[in-house]
Amino acid sequence: MPSYTFTVYHRDVFEKSKFKDYDSLLENRIARCHARASYLASVVESQNGAQGGEMRELVPKTTDAVYRSGEYVATFLIGTQMIKNYLLIDTGSDLVWWQCGPCEANKCYKQDQPLYDSTTSKTFRIIGCNRYNLRCRTVDPAFYCNQEIFECRYDMVYGDRVQTKCFIADDVITFNVDHRPVRITFGCSKDQTGEKKFSAFSAGILGLGRAVQYSSSQFGGHVMSMCLPTFHSGKGSVLCFHTSKWSRATSAKL
């Protein structure tokens, strides 16, 4: 059945040039793994008290916990200008967002790819909120209605305290593998001025959580398949969302 397919790269494809040698790159990878494990262990400890210390060695080392620990990025083309952007894949959040120009001075972080400008895309639309009950068209508590201009807004803070905020919009993106266009709802982020900064190699975050309206589940697929590239391959792989033709199919739990 028709699918939506991202090209997926390991982040080191874009970041390795910033390190003087392989050893320093390897140290950075290990630091990300350590930060991920420590964060998950701290969650276990807070939930289980004294038992948490015993669980520390059992914490999975391959589960993303905070923004800076993400290992993979996905790419697609945005708007009528077909701006190519890379988004960090995050399985722990639901919102799909990217930096959305024009930005005010010092509000957006410097990114390696061209900045998507919403004013130049003919298919861009701002998502308003209901004028009768003054609520966003979602039950997610992260979003709220600006009652002065009737925009649905958000203020997202990740586990490592990086922050993004602005309003919800939609536009057409094109998958660069099968060249299929689809209109998706996303966070049009114009303010990333938290205490820490996002990394320049990505223009935003692709939330792979389960929220119905604002995560990748809005692509219409309910079956996901992926082939993740190794950190040393230097090549892209695929992440696909499919619809199943078997209505009585049973899914297996991980």
C-alpha atoms as a PDB file:
ATOM      1  CA  MET A   1       0.000   0.000   0.000  1.00  0.00           C
ATOM      2  CA  PRO A   2       1.153   3.643  -0.407  1.00  0.00           C
ATOM      3  CA  SER A   3       3.719   4.707   2.154  1.00  0.00           C
ATOM      4  CA  TYR A   4       5.444   7.856   3.318  1.00  0.00           C
ATOM      5  CA  THR A   5       9.205   7.455   3.387  1.00  0.00           C
ATOM      6  CA  PHE A   6      11.858   9.634   5.007  1.00  0.00           C
ATOM      7  CA  THR A   7      15.547   9.431   4.287  1.00  0.00           C
ATOM      8  CA  VAL A   8      17.320   8.875   7.608  1.00  0.00           C
ATOM      9  CA  TYR A   9      20.955   9.687   8.416  1.00  0.00           C
ATOM     10  CA  HIS A  10      23.092   9.221  11.487  1.00  0.00           C
ATOM     11  CA  ARG A  11      23.890  12.617  13.005  1.00  0.00           C
ATOM     12  CA  ASP A  12      27.646  12.008  12.684  1.00  0.00           C
ATOM     13  CA  VAL A  13      27.317  12.452   8.918  1.00  0.00           C
ATOM     14  CA  PHE A  14      26.846  16.152   9.654  1.00  0.00           C
ATOM     15  CA  GLU A  15      28.845  16.562  12.855  1.00  0.00           C
ATOM     16  CA  LYS A  16      32.070  14.638  12.243  1.00  0.00           C
ATOM     17  CA  SER A  17      33.680  17.591  10.462  1.00  0.00           C
ATOM     18  CA  LYS A  18      33.512  19.544  13.744  1.00  0.00           C
ATOM     19  CA  PHE A  19      35.913  17.159  15.484  1.00  0.00           C
ATOM     20  CA  LYS A  20      39.674  17.222  15.028  1.00  0.00           C
ATOM     21  CA  ASP A  21      40.048  13.436  14.920  1.00  0.00           C
ATOM     22  CA  TYR A  22      38.219  10.144  15.319  1.00  0.00           C
ATOM     23  CA  ASP A  23      39.032   9.863  19.043  1.00  0.00           C
ATOM     24  CA  SER A  24      37.287  13.140  19.879  1.00  0.00           C
ATOM     25  CA  LEU A  25      34.274  12.098  17.808  1.00  0.00           C
ATOM     26  CA  LEU A  26      34.139   8.763  19.635  1.00  0.00           C
ATOM     27  CA  GLU A  27      34.351  10.514  23.009  1.00  0.00           C
ATOM     28  CA  ASN A  28      31.358  12.646  22.013  1.00  0.00           C
ATOM     29  CA  ARG A  29      29.358   9.538  21.116  1.00  0.00           C
ATOM     30  CA  ILE A  30      30.182   7.917  24.441  1.00  0.00           C
ATOM     31  CA  ALA A  31      29.220  11.099  26.297  1.00  0.00           C
ATOM     32  CA  ARG A  32      25.808  11.071  24.600  1.00  0.00           C
ATOM     33  CA  CYS A  33      25.283   7.434  25.596  1.00  0.00           C
ATOM     34  CA  HIS A  34      26.351   8.168  29.166  1.00  0.00           C
ATOM     35  CA  ALA A  35      24.022  11.157  29.424  1.00  0.00           C
ATOM     36  CA  ARG A  36      21.156   9.064  28.085  1.00  0.00           C
ATOM     37  CA  ALA A  37      21.783   6.239  30.548  1.00  0.00           C
ATOM     38  CA  SER A  38      22.232   8.603  33.503  1.00  0.00           C
ATOM     39  CA  TYR A  39      18.985  10.399  32.724  1.00  0.00           C
ATOM     40  CA  LEU A  40      17.001   7.177  32.490  1.00  0.00           C
ATOM     41  CA  ALA A  41      18.625   5.852  35.666  1.00  0.00           C
ATOM     42  CA  SER A  42      17.646   9.032  37.525  1.00  0.00           C
ATOM     43  CA  VAL A  43      14.038   8.518  36.433  1.00  0.00           C
ATOM     44  CA  VAL A  44      14.124   4.946  37.704  1.00  0.00           C
ATOM     45  CA  GLU A  45      15.661   6.066  40.999  1.00  0.00           C
ATOM     46  CA  SER A  46      13.012   8.732  41.554  1.00  0.00           C
ATOM     47  CA  GLN A  47      10.270   6.174  40.948  1.00  0.00           C
ATOM     48  CA  ASN A  48      11.737   3.250  42.872  1.00  0.00           C
ATOM     49  CA  GLY A  49      13.807   4.857  45.634  1.00  0.00           C
ATOM     50  CA  ALA A  50      16.643   2.612  46.783  1.00  0.00           C
ATOM     51  CA  GLN A  51      15.952   0.095  44.026  1.00  0.00           C
ATOM     52  CA  GLY A  52      17.011   2.632  41.427  1.00  0.00           C
ATOM     53  CA  GLY A  53      20.715   2.124  42.069  1.00  0.00           C
ATOM     54  CA  GLU A  54      20.340  -1.579  41.399  1.00  0.00           C
ATOM     55  CA  MET A  55      18.607  -0.780  38.122  1.00  0.00           C
ATOM     56  CA  ARG A  56      21.318   1.570  36.846  1.00  0.00           C
ATOM     57  CA  GLU A  57      23.227  -1.143  34.990  1.00  0.00           C
ATOM     58  CA  LEU A  58      19.992  -2.372  33.373  1.00  0.00           C
ATOM     59  CA  VAL A  59      19.090   0.965  31.812  1.00  0.00           C
ATOM     60  CA  PRO A  60      18.872   0.591  28.012  1.00  0.00           C
ATOM     61  CA  LYS A  61      21.635   2.493  26.283  1.00  0.00           C
ATOM     62  CA  THR A  62      19.784   2.941  22.982  1.00  0.00           C
ATOM     63  CA  THR A  63      16.666   4.815  24.107  1.00  0.00           C
ATOM     64  CA  ASP A  64      16.593   8.544  23.434  1.00  0.00           C
ATOM     65  CA  ALA A  65      15.860  10.594  26.531  1.00  0.00           C
ATOM     66  CA  VAL A  66      16.837  14.189  25.848  1.00  0.00           C
ATOM     67  CA  TYR A  67      17.262  16.322  22.758  1.00  0.00           C
ATOM     68  CA  ARG A  68      21.056  16.326  22.667  1.00  0.00           C
ATOM     69  CA  SER A  69      21.181  12.525  22.840  1.00  0.00           C
ATOM     70  CA  GLY A  70      19.353  12.025  19.534  1.00  0.00           C
ATOM     71  CA  GLU A  71      21.278   9.908  17.063  1.00  0.00           C
ATOM     72  CA  TYR A  72      19.309  10.139  13.795  1.00  0.00           C
ATOM     73  CA  VAL A  73      17.880  12.824  11.531  1.00  0.00           C
ATOM     74  CA  ALA A  74      15.193  12.647   8.839  1.00  0.00           C
ATOM     75  CA  THR A  75      14.976  14.863   5.787  1.00  0.00           C
ATOM     76  CA  PHE A  76      12.212  16.194   3.519  1.00  0.00           C
ATOM     77  CA  LEU A  77      11.325  19.234   1.410  1.00  0.00           C
ATOM     78  CA  ILE A  78       9.147  21.982   2.899  1.00  0.00           C
ATOM     79  CA  GLY A  79       6.615  24.304   1.243  1.00  0.00           C
ATOM     80  CA  THR A  80       6.374  25.526  -2.323  1.00  0.00           C
ATOM     81  CA  GLN A  81      10.015  26.645  -2.167  1.00  0.00           C
ATOM     82  CA  MET A  82      11.017  22.994  -1.521  1.00  0.00           C
ATOM     83  CA  ILE A  83      13.417  23.938   1.275  1.00  0.00           C
ATOM     84  CA  LYS A  84      15.448  20.872   2.284  1.00  0.00           C
ATOM     85  CA  ASN A  85      15.683  20.539   6.070  1.00  0.00           C
ATOM     86  CA  TYR A  86      16.936  17.882   8.480  1.00  0.00           C
ATOM     87  CA  LEU A  87      14.935  17.176  11.649  1.00  0.00           C
ATOM     88  CA  LEU A  88      16.256  15.269  14.660  1.00  0.00           C
ATOM     89  CA  ILE A  89      14.172  12.139  15.310  1.00  0.00           C
ATOM     90  CA  ASP A  90      12.749  12.069  18.847  1.00  0.00           C
ATOM     91  CA  THR A  91      10.676   9.111  20.039  1.00  0.00           C
ATOM     92  CA  GLY A  92       9.965  10.796  23.369  1.00  0.00           C
ATOM     93  CA  SER A  93       7.900  13.764  22.124  1.00  0.00           C
ATOM     94  CA  ASP A  94       4.871  14.293  19.908  1.00  0.00           C
ATOM     95  CA  LEU A  95       5.386  17.634  18.220  1.00  0.00           C
ATOM     96  CA  VAL A  96       6.825  18.038  14.723  1.00  0.00           C
ATOM     97  CA  TRP A  97       8.450  21.477  14.468  1.00  0.00           C
ATOM     98  CA  TRP A  98      11.136  23.358  12.611  1.00  0.00           C
ATOM     99  CA  GLN A  99      12.543  26.872  12.609  1.00  0.00           C
ATOM    100  CA  CYS A 100      10.169  29.116  10.760  1.00  0.00           C
ATOM    101  CA  GLY A 101      11.354  32.444   9.378  1.00  0.00           C
ATOM    102  CA  PRO A 102      11.286  35.317   9.348  1.00  0.00           C
ATOM    103  CA  CYS A 103      12.777  35.326  12.855  1.00  0.00           C
ATOM    104  CA  GLU A 104      13.298  38.276  15.152  1.00  0.00           C
ATOM    105  CA  ALA A 105      16.881  39.189  16.007  1.00  0.00           C
ATOM    106  CA  ASN A 106      18.601  36.557  18.196  1.00  0.00           C
ATOM    107  CA  LYS A 107      15.416  34.459  18.452  1.00  0.00           C
ATOM    108  CA  CYS A 108      16.428  31.629  16.101  1.00  0.00           C
ATOM    109  CA  TYR A 109      19.614  29.596  16.433  1.00  0.00           C
ATOM    110  CA  LYS A 110      22.062  29.312  13.546  1.00  0.00           C
ATOM    111  CA  GLN A 111      21.340  26.216  11.441  1.00  0.00           C
ATOM    112  CA  ASP A 112      23.455  24.635   8.718  1.00  0.00           C
ATOM    113  CA  GLN A 113      20.553  24.339   6.249  1.00  0.00           C
ATOM    114  CA  PRO A 114      18.578  27.148   4.598  1.00  0.00           C
ATOM    115  CA  LEU A 115      15.916  28.650   6.872  1.00  0.00           C
ATOM    116  CA  TYR A 116      12.322  27.849   5.891  1.00  0.00           C
ATOM    117  CA  ASP A 117      10.461  31.154   5.430  1.00  0.00           C
ATOM    118  CA  SER A 118       6.694  30.782   5.863  1.00  0.00           C
ATOM    119  CA  THR A 119       6.003  34.047   4.012  1.00  0.00           C
ATOM    120  CA  THR A 120       7.425  32.656   0.759  1.00  0.00           C
ATOM    121  CA  SER A 121       5.409  29.424   0.766  1.00  0.00           C
ATOM    122  CA  LYS A 122       2.095  29.663  -1.061  1.00  0.00           C
ATOM    123  CA  THR A 123       0.723  26.618   0.784  1.00  0.00           C
ATOM    124  CA  PHE A 124       1.457  27.850   4.333  1.00  0.00           C
ATOM    125  CA  ARG A 125      -1.487  28.367   6.729  1.00  0.00           C
ATOM    126  CA  ILE A 126      -1.697  29.370  10.400  1.00  0.00           C
ATOM    127  CA  ILE A 127      -3.913  27.121  12.543  1.00  0.00           C
ATOM    128  CA  GLY A 128      -6.308  29.203  14.623  1.00  0.00           C
ATOM    129  CA  CYS A 129      -8.259  28.217  17.701  1.00  0.00           C
ATOM    130  CA  ASN A 130     -11.999  27.931  18.175  1.00  0.00           C
ATOM    131  CA  ARG A 131     -13.524  31.399  18.581  1.00  0.00           C
ATOM    132  CA  TYR A 132     -16.497  30.013  20.528  1.00  0.00           C
ATOM    133  CA  ASN A 133     -14.786  28.120  23.340  1.00  0.00           C
ATOM    134  CA  LEU A 134     -11.352  29.769  22.899  1.00  0.00           C
ATOM    135  CA  ARG A 135      -9.560  26.450  22.801  1.00  0.00           C
ATOM    136  CA  CYS A 136      -6.998  24.942  20.470  1.00  0.00           C
ATOM    137  CA  ARG A 137      -8.154  22.141  18.223  1.00  0.00           C
ATOM    138  CA  THR A 138      -6.292  19.651  20.371  1.00  0.00           C
ATOM    139  CA  VAL A 139      -6.463  18.354  23.934  1.00  0.00           C
ATOM    140  CA  ASP A 140      -2.701  18.458  24.374  1.00  0.00           C
ATOM    141  CA  PRO A 141      -1.957  20.625  27.442  1.00  0.00           C
ATOM    142  CA  ALA A 142       1.237  21.868  25.779  1.00  0.00           C
ATOM    143  CA  PHE A 143      -0.871  23.990  23.421  1.00  0.00           C
ATOM    144  CA  TYR A 144      -2.994  26.982  24.359  1.00  0.00           C
ATOM    145  CA  CYS A 145      -5.142  29.576  22.614  1.00  0.00           C
ATOM    146  CA  ASN A 146      -3.890  33.136  22.297  1.00  0.00           C
ATOM    147  CA  GLN A 147      -7.212  34.900  22.789  1.00  0.00           C
ATOM    148  CA  GLU A 148      -6.028  38.191  21.300  1.00  0.00           C
ATOM    149  CA  ILE A 149      -5.108  36.879  17.849  1.00  0.00           C
ATOM    150  CA  PHE A 150      -6.815  33.439  18.034  1.00  0.00           C
ATOM    151  CA  GLU A 151      -3.659  31.457  17.350  1.00  0.00           C
ATOM    152  CA  CYS A 152      -2.900  28.025  18.770  1.00  0.00           C
ATOM    153  CA  ARG A 153       0.471  28.361  20.483  1.00  0.00           C
ATOM    154  CA  TYR A 154       2.946  26.086  22.268  1.00  0.00           C
ATOM    155  CA  ASP A 155       5.951  26.318  24.562  1.00  0.00           C
ATOM    156  CA  MET A 156       7.979  23.091  24.461  1.00  0.00           C
ATOM    157  CA  VAL A 157      10.810  22.405  26.928  1.00  0.00           C
ATOM    158  CA  TYR A 158      12.867  19.216  26.497  1.00  0.00           C
ATOM    159  CA  GLY A 159      14.634  17.129  29.110  1.00  0.00           C
ATOM    160  CA  ASP A 160      17.946  18.973  28.714  1.00  0.00           C
ATOM    161  CA  ARG A 161      16.207  22.376  29.054  1.00  0.00           C
ATOM    162  CA  VAL A 162      16.354  23.433  25.406  1.00  0.00           C
ATOM    163  CA  GLN A 163      13.187  25.301  24.546  1.00  0.00           C
ATOM    164  CA  THR A 164      11.121  26.242  21.505  1.00  0.00           C
ATOM    165  CA  LYS A 165       7.866  28.170  21.188  1.00  0.00           C
ATOM    166  CA  CYS A 166       5.536  29.944  18.774  1.00  0.00           C
ATOM    167  CA  PHE A 167       2.360  28.874  16.913  1.00  0.00           C
ATOM    168  CA  ILE A 168       0.832  25.868  15.144  1.00  0.00           C
ATOM    169  CA  ALA A 169       0.534  25.954  11.340  1.00  0.00           C
ATOM    170  CA  ASP A 170       0.366  23.594   8.387  1.00  0.00           C
ATOM    171  CA  ASP A 171       2.113  23.339   5.045  1.00  0.00           C
ATOM    172  CA  VAL A 172       2.897  20.802   2.350  1.00  0.00           C
ATOM    173  CA  ILE A 173       6.036  18.703   2.672  1.00  0.00           C
ATOM    174  CA  THR A 174       7.470  16.425  -0.009  1.00  0.00           C
ATOM    175  CA  PHE A 175       9.200  13.144   0.795  1.00  0.00           C
ATOM    176  CA  ASN A 176      12.450  13.065  -1.140  1.00  0.00           C
ATOM    177  CA  VAL A 177      12.388   9.276  -1.653  1.00  0.00           C
ATOM    178  CA  ASP A 178       8.994   8.702  -3.272  1.00  0.00           C
ATOM    179  CA  HIS A 179       8.320  12.404  -4.000  1.00  0.00           C
ATOM    180  CA  ARG A 180       4.875  12.240  -2.373  1.00  0.00           C
ATOM    181  CA  PRO A 181       3.495  15.561  -1.102  1.00  0.00           C
ATOM    182  CA  VAL A 182       1.337  15.684   2.028  1.00  0.00           C
ATOM    183  CA  ARG A 183      -0.031  18.526   4.129  1.00  0.00           C
ATOM    184  CA  ILE A 184       1.012  18.250   7.759  1.00  0.00           C
ATOM    185  CA  THR A 185       0.439  20.275  10.907  1.00  0.00           C
ATOM    186  CA  PHE A 186       3.640  21.443  12.588  1.00  0.00           C
ATOM    187  CA  GLY A 187       5.089  23.890  15.071  1.00  0.00           C
ATOM    188  CA  CYS A 188       6.223  27.059  13.312  1.00  0.00           C
ATOM    189  CA  SER A 189       9.073  27.871  15.712  1.00  0.00           C
ATOM    190  CA  LYS A 190      10.300  31.454  15.846  1.00  0.00           C
ATOM    191  CA  ASP A 191      11.720  31.604  19.378  1.00  0.00           C
ATOM    192  CA  GLN A 192      14.492  29.272  20.593  1.00  0.00           C
ATOM    193  CA  THR A 193      15.966  31.493  23.322  1.00  0.00           C
ATOM    194  CA  GLY A 194      16.101  29.081  26.278  1.00  0.00           C
ATOM    195  CA  GLU A 195      19.087  28.616  28.569  1.00  0.00           C
ATOM    196  CA  LYS A 196      20.614  26.119  26.118  1.00  0.00           C
ATOM    197  CA  LYS A 197      20.793  26.073  22.335  1.00  0.00           C
ATOM    198  CA  PHE A 198      19.807  23.528  19.704  1.00  0.00           C
ATOM    199  CA  SER A 199      22.474  22.004  17.474  1.00  0.00           C
ATOM    200  CA  ALA A 200      23.051  23.592  14.085  1.00  0.00           C
ATOM    201  CA  PHE A 201      22.960  20.299  12.142  1.00  0.00           C
ATOM    202  CA  SER A 202      19.139  20.071  12.482  1.00  0.00           C
ATOM    203  CA  ALA A 203      16.404  22.605  11.741  1.00  0.00           C
ATOM    204  CA  GLY A 204      13.959  21.151  14.279  1.00  0.00           C
ATOM    205  CA  ILE A 205      12.549  17.934  15.721  1.00  0.00           C
ATOM    206  CA  LEU A 206      10.471  15.142  14.207  1.00  0.00           C
ATOM    207  CA  GLY A 207       8.396  13.895  17.152  1.00  0.00           C
ATOM    208  CA  LEU A 208       7.565  10.212  16.719  1.00  0.00           C
ATOM    209  CA  GLY A 209       5.225  10.039  19.712  1.00  0.00           C
ATOM    210  CA  ARG A 210       1.599   8.924  19.539  1.00  0.00           C
ATOM    211  CA  ALA A 211      -0.394  12.161  19.689  1.00  0.00           C
ATOM    212  CA  VAL A 212      -2.986  11.896  16.931  1.00  0.00           C
ATOM    213  CA  GLN A 213      -2.843  15.364  15.410  1.00  0.00           C
ATOM    214  CA  TYR A 214       0.657  16.724  15.747  1.00  0.00           C
ATOM    215  CA  SER A 215       3.114  13.856  15.616  1.00  0.00           C
ATOM    216  CA  SER A 216       4.178  11.794  12.625  1.00  0.00           C
ATOM    217  CA  SER A 217       1.021   9.679  13.055  1.00  0.00           C
ATOM    218  CA  GLN A 218      -0.794  12.360  11.067  1.00  0.00           C
ATOM    219  CA  PHE A 219       0.808  10.923   7.915  1.00  0.00           C
ATOM    220  CA  GLY A 220      -1.984   8.362   7.916  1.00  0.00           C
ATOM    221  CA  GLY A 221       0.129   5.265   8.400  1.00  0.00           C
ATOM    222  CA  HIS A 222      -0.342   2.903  11.324  1.00  0.00           C
ATOM    223  CA  VAL A 223       2.576   0.579  10.534  1.00  0.00           C
ATOM    224  CA  MET A 224       6.159   1.786  10.768  1.00  0.00           C
ATOM    225  CA  SER A 225       9.308   0.199   9.362  1.00  0.00           C
ATOM    226  CA  MET A 226      12.853   1.468   9.533  1.00  0.00           C
ATOM    227  CA  CYS A 227      16.403   0.561   8.681  1.00  0.00           C
ATOM    228  CA  LEU A 228      18.784   2.689  10.738  1.00  0.00           C
ATOM    229  CA  PRO A 229      22.217   3.415   9.248  1.00  0.00           C
ATOM    230  CA  THR A 230      25.304   2.779  11.345  1.00  0.00           C
ATOM    231  CA  PHE A 231      27.298   5.755  12.602  1.00  0.00           C
ATOM    232  CA  HIS A 232      30.218   4.903  10.315  1.00  0.00           C
ATOM    233  CA  SER A 233      28.258   4.240   7.105  1.00  0.00           C
ATOM    234  CA  GLY A 234      28.017   7.852   5.961  1.00  0.00           C
ATOM    235  CA  LYS A 235      24.936   6.929   3.928  1.00  0.00           C
ATOM    236  CA  GLY A 236      21.205   7.444   4.277  1.00  0.00           C
ATOM    237  CA  SER A 237      18.612   4.796   5.003  1.00  0.00           C
ATOM    238  CA  VAL A 238      14.804   4.807   5.296  1.00  0.00           C
ATOM    239  CA  LEU A 239      11.999   5.303   7.809  1.00  0.00           C
ATOM    240  CA  CYS A 240       8.576   4.432   6.367  1.00  0.00           C
ATOM    241  CA  PHE A 241       4.974   4.817   7.501  1.00  0.00           C
ATOM    242  CA  HIS A 242       2.504   2.431   5.868  1.00  0.00           C
ATOM    243  CA  THR A 243      -1.181   1.577   5.850  1.00  0.00           C
ATOM    244  CA  SER A 244      -2.018  -2.109   6.099  1.00  0.00           C
ATOM    245  CA  LYS A 245      -4.372  -3.772   3.631  1.00  0.00           C
ATOM    246  CA  TRP A 246      -5.254  -6.421   6.223  1.00  0.00           C
ATOM    247  CA  SER A 247      -8.099  -5.009   8.314  1.00  0.00           C
ATOM    248  CA  ARG A 248      -7.960  -7.881  10.830  1.00  0.00           C
ATOM    249  CA  ALA A 249      -4.213  -7.837  11.289  1.00  0.00           C
ATOM    250  CA  THR A 250      -2.784  -8.217  14.789  1.00  0.00           C
ATOM    251  CA  SER A 251       0.217  -6.192  15.829  1.00  0.00           C
ATOM    252  CA  ALA A 252       2.949  -7.679  18.006  1.00  0.00           C
ATOM    253  CA  LYS A 253       4.109  -5.778  21.081  1.00  0.00           C
ATOM    254  CA  LEU A 254       7.799  -4.900  21.309  1.00  0.00           C
END
